[in-house]
Amino acid sequence: MTVAVKNNNKAPLVVPPAVRRKARFKSGQELEFRVSGGVITIVPKLPDAEDEYTPEQRRIIDAQLAEGLADIKAGRVRGPFSTHDEFIASLHAETGKLTRKKPKRSA
């Protein structure tokens, strides 16, 4: 799609509605302008990680990450595996270690 507009330094540059629709820009959406070699690129502004979660959600995520790192340091993880076959062999070895208790039958 090509649309020509006249640049007038006295008035702001306006992106035509047809172009905004084609780019799927929403009303009120923040946009980022990038300039390189005489070319202006307009892209939607991506949310920062800080804006994505509430402080409570961030505390929960941080606690879960800390728990996972503690598991890694304590050696409570398996792998890494170089191949799928190594992974399957590890699963079979771990399964073999499990003892299955027979349910007690009442007389």
C-alpha atoms as a PDB file:
ATOM      1  CA  MET A   1       0.000   0.000   0.000  1.00  0.00           C
ATOM      2  CA  THR A   2       1.367   3.408  -0.950  1.00  0.00           C
ATOM      3  CA  VAL A   3      -0.119   6.716   0.126  1.00  0.00           C
ATOM      4  CA  ALA A   4       1.487  10.094  -0.593  1.00  0.00           C
ATOM      5  CA  VAL A   5       1.155  13.049   1.767  1.00  0.00           C
ATOM      6  CA  LYS A   6       2.721  16.498   1.549  1.00  0.00           C
ATOM      7  CA  ASN A   7       5.168  17.387   4.324  1.00  0.00           C
ATOM      8  CA  ASN A   8       4.472  20.867   5.651  1.00  0.00           C
ATOM      9  CA  ASN A   9       6.814  21.952   8.415  1.00  0.00           C
ATOM     10  CA  LYS A  10       4.109  24.242   9.831  1.00  0.00           C
ATOM     11  CA  ALA A  11       1.635  21.408  10.500  1.00  0.00           C
ATOM     12  CA  PRO A  12       2.184  18.009  12.120  1.00  0.00           C
ATOM     13  CA  LEU A  13       2.712  15.018   9.872  1.00  0.00           C
ATOM     14  CA  VAL A  14      -0.457  12.922   9.833  1.00  0.00           C
ATOM     15  CA  VAL A  15      -0.579   9.202   9.110  1.00  0.00           C
ATOM     16  CA  PRO A  16      -3.664   8.611   6.947  1.00  0.00           C
ATOM     17  CA  PRO A  17      -6.446   6.487   8.513  1.00  0.00           C
ATOM     18  CA  ALA A  18      -6.180   3.845   5.759  1.00  0.00           C
ATOM     19  CA  VAL A  19      -2.493   3.329   6.602  1.00  0.00           C
ATOM     20  CA  ARG A  20      -3.224   3.123  10.347  1.00  0.00           C
ATOM     21  CA  ARG A  21      -5.931   0.511   9.678  1.00  0.00           C
ATOM     22  CA  LYS A  22      -3.625  -1.501   7.427  1.00  0.00           C
ATOM     23  CA  ALA A  23      -0.944  -1.448  10.172  1.00  0.00           C
ATOM     24  CA  ARG A  24      -3.630  -2.405  12.742  1.00  0.00           C
ATOM     25  CA  PHE A  25      -2.782   0.495  15.037  1.00  0.00           C
ATOM     26  CA  LYS A  26      -5.412   0.960  17.731  1.00  0.00           C
ATOM     27  CA  SER A  27      -6.670   4.281  19.056  1.00  0.00           C
ATOM     28  CA  GLY A  28      -4.653   5.316  22.117  1.00  0.00           C
ATOM     29  CA  GLN A  29      -1.904   2.786  21.394  1.00  0.00           C
ATOM     30  CA  GLU A  30       1.638   3.999  22.082  1.00  0.00           C
ATOM     31  CA  LEU A  31       3.859   4.028  19.005  1.00  0.00           C
ATOM     32  CA  GLU A  32       7.625   4.105  18.691  1.00  0.00           C
ATOM     33  CA  PHE A  33       9.359   6.047  15.905  1.00  0.00           C
ATOM     34  CA  ARG A  34      12.742   4.803  14.692  1.00  0.00           C
ATOM     35  CA  VAL A  35      14.889   6.713  12.214  1.00  0.00           C
ATOM     36  CA  SER A  36      17.692   5.175  10.193  1.00  0.00           C
ATOM     37  CA  GLY A  37      19.207   6.456   6.962  1.00  0.00           C
ATOM     38  CA  GLY A  38      16.356   8.816   6.118  1.00  0.00           C
ATOM     39  CA  VAL A  39      13.708   6.150   6.744  1.00  0.00           C
ATOM     40  CA  ILE A  40      11.148   6.484   9.534  1.00  0.00           C
ATOM     41  CA  THR A  41       9.756   3.229  10.909  1.00  0.00           C
ATOM     42  CA  ILE A  42       6.681   3.322  13.154  1.00  0.00           C
ATOM     43  CA  VAL A  43       6.115   0.276  15.368  1.00  0.00           C
ATOM     44  CA  PRO A  44       3.872  -0.416  18.367  1.00  0.00           C
ATOM     45  CA  LYS A  45       5.668   0.262  21.650  1.00  0.00           C
ATOM     46  CA  LEU A  46       6.177  -3.015  23.488  1.00  0.00           C
ATOM     47  CA  PRO A  47       5.326  -3.092  27.189  1.00  0.00           C
ATOM     48  CA  ASP A  48       8.194  -3.089  29.668  1.00  0.00           C
ATOM     49  CA  ALA A  49       8.519  -6.107  31.931  1.00  0.00           C
ATOM     50  CA  GLU A  50       7.862  -3.765  34.856  1.00  0.00           C
ATOM     51  CA  ASP A  51       4.523  -2.709  33.343  1.00  0.00           C
ATOM     52  CA  GLU A  52       3.446  -6.256  32.538  1.00  0.00           C
ATOM     53  CA  TYR A  53       2.886  -7.499  36.107  1.00  0.00           C
ATOM     54  CA  THR A  54       1.527  -6.019  39.311  1.00  0.00           C
ATOM     55  CA  PRO A  55       3.939  -5.792  42.270  1.00  0.00           C
ATOM     56  CA  GLU A  56       2.161  -8.766  43.915  1.00  0.00           C
ATOM     57  CA  GLN A  57       2.507 -10.882  40.754  1.00  0.00           C
ATOM     58  CA  ARG A  58       6.174  -9.860  40.483  1.00  0.00           C
ATOM     59  CA  ARG A  59       6.798 -10.977  44.110  1.00  0.00           C
ATOM     60  CA  ILE A  60       5.221 -14.388  43.371  1.00  0.00           C
ATOM     61  CA  ILE A  61       7.293 -14.820  40.203  1.00  0.00           C
ATOM     62  CA  ASP A  62      10.498 -13.825  41.999  1.00  0.00           C
ATOM     63  CA  ALA A  63       9.749 -16.307  44.819  1.00  0.00           C
ATOM     64  CA  GLN A  64       9.154 -19.121  42.304  1.00  0.00           C
ATOM     65  CA  LEU A  65      12.386 -18.279  40.479  1.00  0.00           C
ATOM     66  CA  ALA A  66      14.300 -18.319  43.780  1.00  0.00           C
ATOM     67  CA  GLU A  67      12.773 -21.715  44.619  1.00  0.00           C
ATOM     68  CA  GLY A  68      13.788 -23.102  41.234  1.00  0.00           C
ATOM     69  CA  LEU A  69      17.346 -21.817  41.616  1.00  0.00           C
ATOM     70  CA  ALA A  70      17.534 -23.390  45.080  1.00  0.00           C
ATOM     71  CA  ASP A  71      16.458 -26.740  43.553  1.00  0.00           C
ATOM     72  CA  ILE A  72      19.199 -26.456  40.949  1.00  0.00           C
ATOM     73  CA  LYS A  73      21.864 -25.658  43.590  1.00  0.00           C
ATOM     74  CA  ALA A  74      20.673 -28.583  45.751  1.00  0.00           C
ATOM     75  CA  GLY A  75      20.862 -30.967  42.785  1.00  0.00           C
ATOM     76  CA  ARG A  76      17.136 -31.735  42.716  1.00  0.00           C
ATOM     77  CA  VAL A  77      17.011 -31.600  38.924  1.00  0.00           C
ATOM     78  CA  ARG A  78      17.683 -34.012  36.081  1.00  0.00           C
ATOM     79  CA  GLY A  79      19.587 -33.338  32.890  1.00  0.00           C
ATOM     80  CA  PRO A  80      20.578 -31.632  30.740  1.00  0.00           C
ATOM     81  CA  PHE A  81      20.173 -34.323  28.129  1.00  0.00           C
ATOM     82  CA  SER A  82      21.975 -34.271  24.793  1.00  0.00           C
ATOM     83  CA  THR A  83      19.422 -36.434  23.030  1.00  0.00           C
ATOM     84  CA  HIS A  84      15.853 -37.568  23.328  1.00  0.00           C
ATOM     85  CA  ASP A  85      17.084 -41.129  23.930  1.00  0.00           C
ATOM     86  CA  GLU A  86      19.106 -39.981  26.982  1.00  0.00           C
ATOM     87  CA  PHE A  87      15.983 -38.347  28.381  1.00  0.00           C
ATOM     88  CA  ILE A  88      13.855 -41.490  27.866  1.00  0.00           C
ATOM     89  CA  ALA A  89      16.569 -43.677  29.434  1.00  0.00           C
ATOM     90  CA  SER A  90      16.614 -41.370  32.468  1.00  0.00           C
ATOM     91  CA  LEU A  91      12.828 -41.624  32.791  1.00  0.00           C
ATOM     92  CA  HIS A  92      12.984 -45.424  32.668  1.00  0.00           C
ATOM     93  CA  ALA A  93      15.766 -45.484  35.279  1.00  0.00           C
ATOM     94  CA  GLU A  94      13.783 -43.235  37.637  1.00  0.00           C
ATOM     95  CA  THR A  95      10.615 -45.293  37.098  1.00  0.00           C
ATOM     96  CA  GLY A  96      12.528 -48.458  37.997  1.00  0.00           C
ATOM     97  CA  LYS A  97      13.473 -46.907  41.351  1.00  0.00           C
ATOM     98  CA  LEU A  98       9.851 -46.430  42.342  1.00  0.00           C
ATOM     99  CA  THR A  99       8.303 -49.140  44.459  1.00  0.00           C
ATOM    100  CA  ARG A 100       4.692 -49.864  43.891  1.00  0.00           C
ATOM    101  CA  LYS A 101       2.761 -50.731  47.004  1.00  0.00           C
ATOM    102  CA  LYS A 102       0.027 -53.273  46.617  1.00  0.00           C
ATOM    103  CA  PRO A 103      -3.282 -52.147  48.054  1.00  0.00           C
ATOM    104  CA  LYS A 104      -4.400 -54.014  51.153  1.00  0.00           C
ATOM    105  CA  ARG A 105      -7.466 -56.099  50.624  1.00  0.00           C
ATOM    106  CA  SER A 106      -9.943 -56.442  53.406  1.00  0.00           C
ATOM    107  CA  ALA A 107     -11.073 -59.972  54.169  1.00  0.00           C
END
